[in-house]
């Protein structure tokens, strides 16, 4: 957007020493061939679009090809998670990101969403919604180059089932 190389632009709230790709994925840790998908658990704010992730997860659950992990500040009342961390520390969060293949970011009206950036730095493919007011799209999620971007839940499901893990 500003005509400068994105490598030189780092949000001041992200310490790159804390977020790095360990190269470790859940398949290497437990021998699982499931794709691990993470998402920020924030059901109390409508703009975080938690219902989109819940809908997507429920559609994918039948295939048993997926694991779902999450973190947040609230008690998690959903039953489809394989792992949920509440009010966790940076080391545990970095491990959570590092075990994910995909980080799902359905939020809208977000100026600059740190969580997907942290996940991407840890090696996750970021899948995010294409909302006009979503700062992620305009600041760093370039569809097909740095992230996978969807317009609706059906597109999100297609991307999750056919991810471009080379990004």
N, C-alpha and C. Protein backbone atom coordinates (compact mmCIF):
# COMPACT_ATOMS: atom_id res chain seq x y z
N UNK A 1 0.81 -1.21 0.00
CA UNK A 1 0.00 0.00 0.00
C UNK A 1 0.84 1.26 0.00
N UNK A 2 2.03 1.20 0.64
CA UNK A 2 2.84 2.39 0.80
C UNK A 2 4.05 2.43 -0.13
N UNK A 3 4.15 1.47 -1.04
CA UNK A 3 5.24 1.48 -2.00
C UNK A 3 6.59 1.12 -1.41
N UNK A 4 6.62 0.38 -0.30
CA UNK A 4 7.89 -0.04 0.29
C UNK A 4 7.87 -1.55 0.47
N UNK A 5 9.03 -2.15 0.54
CA UNK A 5 9.16 -3.59 0.71
C UNK A 5 8.58 -4.02 2.05
N UNK A 6 7.67 -5.00 2.02
CA UNK A 6 7.00 -5.46 3.23
C UNK A 6 7.95 -6.06 4.25
N UNK A 7 9.12 -6.53 3.83
CA UNK A 7 10.07 -7.10 4.78
C UNK A 7 10.53 -6.04 5.77
N UNK A 8 10.55 -4.81 5.35
CA UNK A 8 11.01 -3.72 6.22
C UNK A 8 9.92 -3.19 7.14
N UNK A 9 8.70 -3.68 6.98
CA UNK A 9 7.58 -3.18 7.79
C UNK A 9 7.20 -4.24 8.80
N UNK A 10 7.40 -3.94 10.06
CA UNK A 10 7.04 -4.86 11.14
C UNK A 10 6.21 -4.08 12.14
N UNK A 11 5.05 -4.61 12.47
CA UNK A 11 4.19 -3.95 13.45
C UNK A 11 4.94 -3.86 14.77
N UNK A 12 4.88 -2.71 15.41
CA UNK A 12 5.67 -2.48 16.61
C UNK A 12 5.31 -3.41 17.77
N UNK A 13 4.14 -4.03 17.73
CA UNK A 13 3.74 -4.90 18.83
C UNK A 13 4.24 -6.32 18.70
N UNK A 14 4.92 -6.66 17.61
CA UNK A 14 5.38 -8.03 17.40
C UNK A 14 6.90 -8.09 17.49
N UNK A 15 7.38 -8.84 18.46
CA UNK A 15 8.81 -9.06 18.62
C UNK A 15 9.18 -10.31 17.83
N UNK A 16 9.92 -10.14 16.74
CA UNK A 16 10.22 -11.27 15.87
C UNK A 16 11.00 -12.37 16.58
N UNK A 17 11.70 -12.06 17.65
CA UNK A 17 12.43 -13.08 18.40
C UNK A 17 11.47 -14.05 19.08
N UNK A 18 10.26 -13.60 19.38
CA UNK A 18 9.27 -14.46 20.04
C UNK A 18 8.52 -15.35 19.06
N UNK A 19 8.46 -14.96 17.81
CA UNK A 19 7.65 -15.70 16.83
C UNK A 19 8.53 -16.15 15.68
N UNK A 20 8.76 -17.43 15.60
CA UNK A 20 9.57 -17.96 14.50
C UNK A 20 9.08 -19.36 14.16
N UNK A 21 9.30 -19.75 12.93
CA UNK A 21 8.87 -21.06 12.46
C UNK A 21 9.86 -22.11 12.95
N UNK A 22 9.39 -22.99 13.84
CA UNK A 22 10.25 -24.05 14.35
C UNK A 22 10.38 -25.20 13.36
N UNK A 23 9.49 -25.21 12.36
CA UNK A 23 9.50 -26.30 11.40
C UNK A 23 8.83 -27.56 11.94
N UNK A 24 8.33 -27.50 13.16
CA UNK A 24 7.67 -28.65 13.78
C UNK A 24 6.17 -28.55 13.54
N UNK A 25 5.59 -29.60 13.04
CA UNK A 25 4.15 -29.66 12.87
C UNK A 25 3.63 -30.88 13.61
N UNK A 26 2.35 -30.90 13.87
CA UNK A 26 1.75 -31.98 14.66
C UNK A 26 2.03 -33.34 14.05
N UNK A 27 2.08 -33.43 12.73
CA UNK A 27 2.34 -34.71 12.09
C UNK A 27 3.70 -35.26 12.53
N UNK A 28 4.65 -34.38 12.76
CA UNK A 28 5.97 -34.81 13.18
C UNK A 28 6.00 -35.13 14.67
N UNK A 29 5.11 -34.52 15.44
CA UNK A 29 5.10 -34.72 16.88
C UNK A 29 4.41 -36.03 17.25
N UNK A 30 3.24 -36.29 16.67
CA UNK A 30 2.46 -37.46 17.07
C UNK A 30 2.22 -38.46 15.95
N UNK A 31 2.83 -38.26 14.80
CA UNK A 31 2.63 -39.19 13.71
C UNK A 31 1.24 -39.12 13.09
N UNK A 32 0.51 -38.06 13.36
CA UNK A 32 -0.84 -37.89 12.83
C UNK A 32 -0.78 -37.35 11.41
N UNK A 33 -1.71 -37.79 10.58
CA UNK A 33 -1.77 -37.24 9.23
C UNK A 33 -2.91 -36.23 9.10
N UNK A 34 -3.44 -35.77 10.22
CA UNK A 34 -4.52 -34.78 10.21
C UNK A 34 -3.96 -33.38 10.01
N UNK A 35 -4.72 -32.54 9.32
CA UNK A 35 -4.37 -31.14 9.18
C UNK A 35 -4.86 -30.42 10.43
N UNK A 36 -3.98 -29.68 11.07
CA UNK A 36 -4.32 -28.97 12.30
C UNK A 36 -4.66 -27.52 11.96
N UNK A 37 -5.85 -27.09 12.40
CA UNK A 37 -6.36 -25.75 12.12
C UNK A 37 -6.56 -25.02 13.44
N UNK A 38 -6.05 -23.81 13.52
CA UNK A 38 -6.22 -22.99 14.72
C UNK A 38 -7.03 -21.74 14.43
N UNK A 39 -7.60 -21.19 15.50
CA UNK A 39 -8.38 -19.95 15.39
C UNK A 39 -8.45 -19.32 16.77
N UNK A 40 -8.47 -18.01 16.82
CA UNK A 40 -8.64 -17.29 18.08
C UNK A 40 -10.07 -17.47 18.58
N UNK A 41 -10.22 -17.89 19.83
CA UNK A 41 -11.54 -18.09 20.41
C UNK A 41 -12.01 -16.79 21.04
N UNK A 42 -12.96 -16.14 20.40
CA UNK A 42 -13.51 -14.88 20.92
C UNK A 42 -14.98 -14.79 20.54
N UNK A 43 -15.83 -15.55 21.25
CA UNK A 43 -17.25 -15.57 20.89
C UNK A 43 -18.03 -14.33 21.32
N UNK A 44 -17.47 -13.54 22.22
CA UNK A 44 -18.23 -12.40 22.75
C UNK A 44 -18.21 -11.18 21.83
N UNK A 45 -17.31 -11.13 20.86
CA UNK A 45 -17.24 -10.00 19.93
C UNK A 45 -17.70 -10.47 18.56
N UNK A 46 -18.79 -9.91 18.10
CA UNK A 46 -19.38 -10.33 16.83
C UNK A 46 -18.41 -10.14 15.67
N UNK A 47 -17.55 -9.13 15.71
CA UNK A 47 -16.63 -8.86 14.61
C UNK A 47 -15.53 -9.90 14.48
N UNK A 48 -15.34 -10.74 15.50
CA UNK A 48 -14.34 -11.81 15.41
C UNK A 48 -14.86 -12.99 14.59
N UNK A 49 -16.19 -12.99 14.31
CA UNK A 49 -16.81 -13.99 13.44
C UNK A 49 -16.58 -15.43 13.90
N UNK A 50 -16.66 -15.65 15.21
CA UNK A 50 -16.46 -17.00 15.73
C UNK A 50 -17.43 -18.00 15.10
N UNK A 51 -18.64 -17.57 14.80
CA UNK A 51 -19.64 -18.47 14.22
C UNK A 51 -19.21 -19.01 12.86
N UNK A 52 -18.43 -18.22 12.12
CA UNK A 52 -17.92 -18.69 10.83
C UNK A 52 -16.98 -19.88 11.05
N UNK A 53 -16.09 -19.75 12.03
CA UNK A 53 -15.17 -20.86 12.32
C UNK A 53 -15.93 -22.08 12.84
N UNK A 54 -16.90 -21.86 13.73
CA UNK A 54 -17.69 -22.97 14.27
C UNK A 54 -18.40 -23.71 13.13
N UNK A 55 -18.99 -22.96 12.21
CA UNK A 55 -19.69 -23.55 11.07
C UNK A 55 -18.72 -24.36 10.20
N UNK A 56 -17.57 -23.77 9.92
CA UNK A 56 -16.55 -24.44 9.12
C UNK A 56 -16.07 -25.72 9.81
N UNK A 57 -15.79 -25.64 11.09
CA UNK A 57 -15.31 -26.80 11.83
C UNK A 57 -16.33 -27.92 11.83
N UNK A 58 -17.59 -27.58 12.03
CA UNK A 58 -18.64 -28.60 12.04
C UNK A 58 -18.76 -29.28 10.67
N UNK A 59 -18.55 -28.53 9.59
CA UNK A 59 -18.62 -29.12 8.24
C UNK A 59 -17.44 -30.06 8.00
N UNK A 60 -16.29 -29.75 8.57
CA UNK A 60 -15.08 -30.55 8.35
C UNK A 60 -14.96 -31.73 9.30
N UNK A 61 -15.69 -31.70 10.39
CA UNK A 61 -15.54 -32.75 11.41
C UNK A 61 -15.84 -34.15 10.91
N UNK A 62 -16.79 -34.26 10.00
CA UNK A 62 -17.18 -35.57 9.51
C UNK A 62 -16.07 -36.32 8.81
N UNK A 63 -15.12 -35.62 8.23
CA UNK A 63 -14.06 -36.28 7.48
C UNK A 63 -12.98 -36.86 8.38
N UNK A 64 -12.88 -36.40 9.60
CA UNK A 64 -11.86 -36.87 10.56
C UNK A 64 -10.44 -36.61 10.07
N UNK A 65 -10.29 -35.74 9.08
CA UNK A 65 -8.97 -35.40 8.56
C UNK A 65 -8.37 -34.17 9.26
N UNK A 66 -9.12 -33.60 10.19
CA UNK A 66 -8.72 -32.33 10.78
C UNK A 66 -8.67 -32.39 12.30
N UNK A 67 -7.77 -31.61 12.85
CA UNK A 67 -7.71 -31.35 14.29
C UNK A 67 -7.94 -29.87 14.46
N UNK A 68 -8.55 -29.47 15.55
CA UNK A 68 -8.82 -28.06 15.81
C UNK A 68 -8.21 -27.65 17.14
N UNK A 69 -7.42 -26.58 17.10
CA UNK A 69 -6.80 -26.04 18.30
C UNK A 69 -7.16 -24.56 18.42
N UNK A 70 -7.03 -24.05 19.63
CA UNK A 70 -7.53 -22.71 19.86
C UNK A 70 -6.93 -22.14 21.13
N UNK A 71 -7.00 -20.82 21.25
CA UNK A 71 -6.69 -20.17 22.51
C UNK A 71 -7.59 -18.96 22.65
N UNK A 72 -7.73 -18.49 23.88
CA UNK A 72 -8.56 -17.33 24.14
C UNK A 72 -8.57 -16.98 25.61
N UNK A 73 -9.33 -15.99 25.95
CA UNK A 73 -9.42 -15.51 27.33
C UNK A 73 -10.62 -16.08 28.07
N UNK A 74 -11.54 -16.70 27.35
CA UNK A 74 -12.80 -17.15 27.94
C UNK A 74 -12.83 -18.66 28.07
N UNK A 75 -13.68 -19.14 28.95
CA UNK A 75 -13.91 -20.58 29.04
C UNK A 75 -14.52 -21.05 27.72
N UNK A 76 -13.97 -22.10 27.16
CA UNK A 76 -14.43 -22.61 25.88
C UNK A 76 -15.53 -23.64 26.09
N UNK A 77 -16.68 -23.37 25.51
CA UNK A 77 -17.82 -24.28 25.67
C UNK A 77 -18.07 -25.13 24.43
N UNK A 78 -17.23 -24.99 23.41
CA UNK A 78 -17.36 -25.81 22.21
C UNK A 78 -16.66 -27.15 22.44
N UNK A 79 -17.20 -28.19 21.84
CA UNK A 79 -16.69 -29.53 22.11
C UNK A 79 -15.83 -30.12 21.00
N UNK A 80 -15.53 -29.38 19.96
CA UNK A 80 -14.81 -29.96 18.83
C UNK A 80 -13.30 -29.74 18.87
N UNK A 81 -12.79 -29.09 19.91
CA UNK A 81 -11.35 -28.81 19.96
C UNK A 81 -10.55 -29.98 20.49
N UNK A 82 -9.42 -30.23 19.85
CA UNK A 82 -8.48 -31.22 20.36
C UNK A 82 -7.58 -30.60 21.43
N UNK A 83 -7.41 -29.26 21.34
CA UNK A 83 -6.59 -28.54 22.32
C UNK A 83 -7.12 -27.12 22.44
N UNK A 84 -7.27 -26.66 23.66
CA UNK A 84 -7.66 -25.27 23.91
C UNK A 84 -6.81 -24.72 25.04
N UNK A 85 -6.19 -23.57 24.81
CA UNK A 85 -5.39 -22.90 25.83
C UNK A 85 -6.09 -21.62 26.24
N UNK A 86 -6.28 -21.45 27.54
CA UNK A 86 -6.93 -20.25 28.05
C UNK A 86 -5.90 -19.38 28.76
N UNK A 87 -5.85 -18.11 28.37
CA UNK A 87 -4.93 -17.13 28.99
C UNK A 87 -3.52 -17.70 29.10
N UNK A 88 -2.95 -18.04 27.98
CA UNK A 88 -1.67 -18.74 27.96
C UNK A 88 -0.48 -17.79 27.85
N UNK A 89 0.72 -18.31 28.03
CA UNK A 89 1.95 -17.52 27.92
C UNK A 89 2.49 -17.60 26.49
N UNK A 90 3.50 -16.79 26.19
CA UNK A 90 4.03 -16.71 24.83
C UNK A 90 4.64 -18.03 24.38
N UNK A 91 5.37 -18.72 25.25
CA UNK A 91 6.00 -19.98 24.85
C UNK A 91 4.94 -21.02 24.46
N UNK A 92 3.87 -21.12 25.23
CA UNK A 92 2.80 -22.07 24.91
C UNK A 92 2.06 -21.67 23.64
N UNK A 93 1.87 -20.38 23.47
CA UNK A 93 1.20 -19.89 22.28
C UNK A 93 2.06 -20.15 21.04
N UNK A 94 3.35 -19.92 21.16
CA UNK A 94 4.26 -20.20 20.03
C UNK A 94 4.21 -21.70 19.68
N UNK A 95 4.15 -22.55 20.69
CA UNK A 95 4.05 -23.99 20.44
C UNK A 95 2.72 -24.32 19.74
N UNK A 96 1.64 -23.70 20.20
CA UNK A 96 0.33 -23.92 19.58
C UNK A 96 0.38 -23.54 18.10
N UNK A 97 0.88 -22.33 17.81
CA UNK A 97 1.00 -21.90 16.41
C UNK A 97 1.86 -22.89 15.62
N UNK A 98 2.96 -23.32 16.20
CA UNK A 98 3.90 -24.18 15.49
C UNK A 98 3.35 -25.56 15.20
N UNK A 99 2.33 -25.99 15.93
CA UNK A 99 1.73 -27.28 15.63
C UNK A 99 0.64 -27.17 14.57
N UNK A 100 0.25 -25.95 14.23
CA UNK A 100 -0.82 -25.75 13.23
C UNK A 100 -0.28 -25.75 11.81
N UNK A 101 -1.07 -26.28 10.92
CA UNK A 101 -0.81 -26.15 9.49
C UNK A 101 -1.48 -24.89 8.96
N UNK A 102 -2.69 -24.64 9.46
CA UNK A 102 -3.51 -23.52 8.97
C UNK A 102 -3.97 -22.69 10.15
N UNK A 103 -3.90 -21.37 10.01
CA UNK A 103 -4.49 -20.46 10.99
C UNK A 103 -5.67 -19.77 10.32
N UNK A 104 -6.86 -19.99 10.85
CA UNK A 104 -8.08 -19.44 10.28
C UNK A 104 -8.39 -18.12 10.97
N UNK A 105 -8.55 -17.05 10.19
CA UNK A 105 -8.76 -15.70 10.74
C UNK A 105 -10.00 -15.07 10.09
N UNK A 106 -11.18 -15.36 10.63
CA UNK A 106 -12.41 -14.85 10.02
C UNK A 106 -12.80 -13.44 10.44
N UNK A 107 -12.00 -12.80 11.25
CA UNK A 107 -12.36 -11.51 11.82
C UNK A 107 -12.58 -10.43 10.78
N UNK A 108 -13.39 -9.45 11.14
CA UNK A 108 -13.60 -8.27 10.30
C UNK A 108 -13.49 -7.03 11.19
N UNK A 109 -13.43 -5.88 10.59
CA UNK A 109 -13.26 -4.62 11.33
C UNK A 109 -12.04 -4.68 12.24
N UNK A 110 -10.96 -5.22 11.73
CA UNK A 110 -9.73 -5.36 12.51
C UNK A 110 -8.68 -4.50 11.85
N UNK A 111 -8.10 -3.57 12.59
CA UNK A 111 -7.09 -2.69 12.01
C UNK A 111 -5.86 -3.45 11.57
N UNK A 112 -5.22 -4.12 12.47
CA UNK A 112 -4.04 -4.92 12.16
C UNK A 112 -4.04 -6.07 13.16
N UNK A 113 -4.48 -7.22 12.73
CA UNK A 113 -4.71 -8.36 13.61
C UNK A 113 -3.40 -9.11 13.86
N UNK A 114 -2.85 -8.98 15.07
CA UNK A 114 -1.56 -9.59 15.39
C UNK A 114 -1.59 -11.12 15.37
N UNK A 115 -2.67 -11.73 15.80
CA UNK A 115 -2.70 -13.19 15.94
C UNK A 115 -2.35 -13.91 14.63
N UNK A 116 -2.97 -13.60 13.49
CA UNK A 116 -2.57 -14.29 12.26
C UNK A 116 -1.14 -13.99 11.85
N UNK A 117 -0.66 -12.78 12.14
CA UNK A 117 0.73 -12.47 11.81
C UNK A 117 1.68 -13.33 12.64
N UNK A 118 1.39 -13.48 13.93
CA UNK A 118 2.21 -14.34 14.79
C UNK A 118 2.17 -15.78 14.27
N UNK A 119 0.97 -16.26 13.92
CA UNK A 119 0.83 -17.62 13.41
C UNK A 119 1.61 -17.81 12.10
N UNK A 120 1.53 -16.83 11.22
CA UNK A 120 2.26 -16.91 9.95
C UNK A 120 3.77 -16.96 10.19
N UNK A 121 4.25 -16.17 11.13
CA UNK A 121 5.68 -16.19 11.46
C UNK A 121 6.12 -17.54 12.00
N UNK A 122 5.17 -18.28 12.59
CA UNK A 122 5.46 -19.62 13.11
C UNK A 122 5.22 -20.70 12.06
N UNK A 123 4.92 -20.32 10.83
CA UNK A 123 4.82 -21.26 9.73
C UNK A 123 3.43 -21.68 9.32
N UNK A 124 2.40 -21.05 9.86
CA UNK A 124 1.02 -21.40 9.49
C UNK A 124 0.62 -20.75 8.17
N UNK A 125 -0.16 -21.49 7.39
CA UNK A 125 -0.84 -20.89 6.26
C UNK A 125 -2.02 -20.10 6.82
N UNK A 126 -2.12 -18.82 6.52
CA UNK A 126 -3.21 -17.99 7.02
C UNK A 126 -4.35 -18.02 6.00
N UNK A 127 -5.55 -18.31 6.51
CA UNK A 127 -6.77 -18.28 5.70
C UNK A 127 -7.67 -17.23 6.34
N UNK A 128 -7.97 -16.16 5.60
CA UNK A 128 -8.72 -15.06 6.20
C UNK A 128 -9.83 -14.57 5.28
N UNK A 129 -10.82 -13.95 5.92
CA UNK A 129 -11.98 -13.43 5.21
C UNK A 129 -11.68 -12.14 4.48
N UNK A 130 -12.30 -11.98 3.33
CA UNK A 130 -12.10 -10.81 2.49
C UNK A 130 -13.17 -9.77 2.81
N UNK A 131 -13.05 -9.14 3.97
CA UNK A 131 -14.01 -8.12 4.38
C UNK A 131 -13.42 -6.75 4.07
N UNK A 132 -14.24 -5.83 3.61
CA UNK A 132 -13.76 -4.49 3.25
C UNK A 132 -13.02 -3.80 4.39
N UNK A 133 -13.46 -4.04 5.62
CA UNK A 133 -12.86 -3.36 6.76
C UNK A 133 -11.83 -4.22 7.48
N UNK A 134 -11.34 -5.26 6.83
CA UNK A 134 -10.39 -6.16 7.45
C UNK A 134 -8.98 -5.68 7.15
N UNK A 135 -8.30 -5.13 8.13
CA UNK A 135 -6.95 -4.60 7.94
C UNK A 135 -5.96 -5.65 7.47
N UNK A 136 -6.20 -6.92 7.83
CA UNK A 136 -5.29 -7.98 7.40
C UNK A 136 -5.19 -8.04 5.90
N UNK A 137 -6.33 -7.97 5.23
CA UNK A 137 -6.33 -8.10 3.78
C UNK A 137 -5.50 -7.00 3.13
N UNK A 138 -5.69 -5.80 3.59
CA UNK A 138 -5.03 -4.67 2.95
C UNK A 138 -3.59 -4.47 3.41
N UNK A 139 -3.24 -5.00 4.55
CA UNK A 139 -1.89 -4.78 5.06
C UNK A 139 -0.92 -5.91 4.74
N UNK A 140 -1.38 -7.16 4.79
CA UNK A 140 -0.39 -8.21 4.53
C UNK A 140 -0.94 -9.49 3.91
N UNK A 141 -2.23 -9.66 3.77
CA UNK A 141 -2.76 -10.91 3.23
C UNK A 141 -3.04 -10.75 1.74
N UNK A 142 -2.05 -11.04 0.92
CA UNK A 142 -2.20 -10.93 -0.52
C UNK A 142 -2.57 -12.31 -1.06
N UNK A 143 -3.81 -12.45 -1.51
CA UNK A 143 -4.35 -13.74 -1.90
C UNK A 143 -3.46 -14.48 -2.89
N UNK A 144 -3.12 -15.71 -2.53
CA UNK A 144 -2.28 -16.54 -3.39
C UNK A 144 -0.80 -16.26 -3.27
N UNK A 145 -0.42 -15.25 -2.50
CA UNK A 145 1.00 -14.94 -2.32
C UNK A 145 1.43 -15.04 -0.86
N UNK A 146 0.65 -14.49 0.04
CA UNK A 146 1.00 -14.55 1.46
C UNK A 146 -0.10 -15.17 2.31
N UNK A 147 -1.28 -15.38 1.75
CA UNK A 147 -2.41 -15.95 2.49
C UNK A 147 -3.44 -16.45 1.49
N UNK A 148 -4.38 -17.21 2.00
CA UNK A 148 -5.53 -17.64 1.21
C UNK A 148 -6.71 -16.82 1.71
N UNK A 149 -7.44 -16.18 0.80
CA UNK A 149 -8.51 -15.27 1.16
C UNK A 149 -9.82 -15.81 0.61
N UNK A 150 -10.86 -15.80 1.45
CA UNK A 150 -12.16 -16.30 1.03
C UNK A 150 -13.21 -15.19 1.14
N UNK A 151 -14.27 -15.32 0.32
CA UNK A 151 -15.38 -14.37 0.34
C UNK A 151 -16.58 -14.88 1.13
N UNK A 152 -16.73 -16.21 1.25
CA UNK A 152 -17.88 -16.78 1.96
C UNK A 152 -17.47 -18.12 2.57
N UNK A 153 -18.33 -18.70 3.37
CA UNK A 153 -18.01 -19.93 4.09
C UNK A 153 -17.72 -21.08 3.12
N UNK A 154 -18.44 -21.13 2.01
CA UNK A 154 -18.20 -22.20 1.05
C UNK A 154 -16.79 -22.13 0.48
N UNK A 155 -16.32 -20.91 0.17
CA UNK A 155 -14.94 -20.74 -0.30
C UNK A 155 -13.95 -21.11 0.79
N UNK A 156 -14.24 -20.74 2.02
CA UNK A 156 -13.36 -21.08 3.14
C UNK A 156 -13.23 -22.60 3.26
N UNK A 157 -14.35 -23.30 3.16
CA UNK A 157 -14.32 -24.76 3.25
C UNK A 157 -13.49 -25.35 2.11
N UNK A 158 -13.65 -24.82 0.90
CA UNK A 158 -12.87 -25.30 -0.25
C UNK A 158 -11.37 -25.09 0.00
N UNK A 159 -11.01 -23.92 0.52
CA UNK A 159 -9.59 -23.64 0.79
C UNK A 159 -9.05 -24.58 1.85
N UNK A 160 -9.82 -24.80 2.92
CA UNK A 160 -9.37 -25.68 4.00
C UNK A 160 -9.17 -27.11 3.46
N UNK A 161 -10.07 -27.54 2.59
CA UNK A 161 -9.96 -28.89 2.04
C UNK A 161 -8.87 -29.00 0.95
N UNK A 162 -8.48 -27.85 0.37
CA UNK A 162 -7.46 -27.82 -0.70
C UNK A 162 -6.47 -26.69 -0.46
N UNK A 163 -5.75 -26.72 0.65
CA UNK A 163 -4.88 -25.59 0.99
C UNK A 163 -3.64 -25.52 0.11
N UNK A 164 -3.17 -24.31 -0.13
CA UNK A 164 -1.92 -24.11 -0.84
C UNK A 164 -0.83 -23.97 0.22
N UNK A 165 -0.28 -25.10 0.63
CA UNK A 165 0.70 -25.11 1.72
C UNK A 165 2.05 -24.53 1.31
N UNK A 166 2.21 -24.16 0.03
CA UNK A 166 3.47 -23.56 -0.43
C UNK A 166 3.59 -22.10 -0.08
N UNK A 167 2.51 -21.48 0.39
CA UNK A 167 2.58 -20.05 0.75
C UNK A 167 3.38 -19.87 2.01
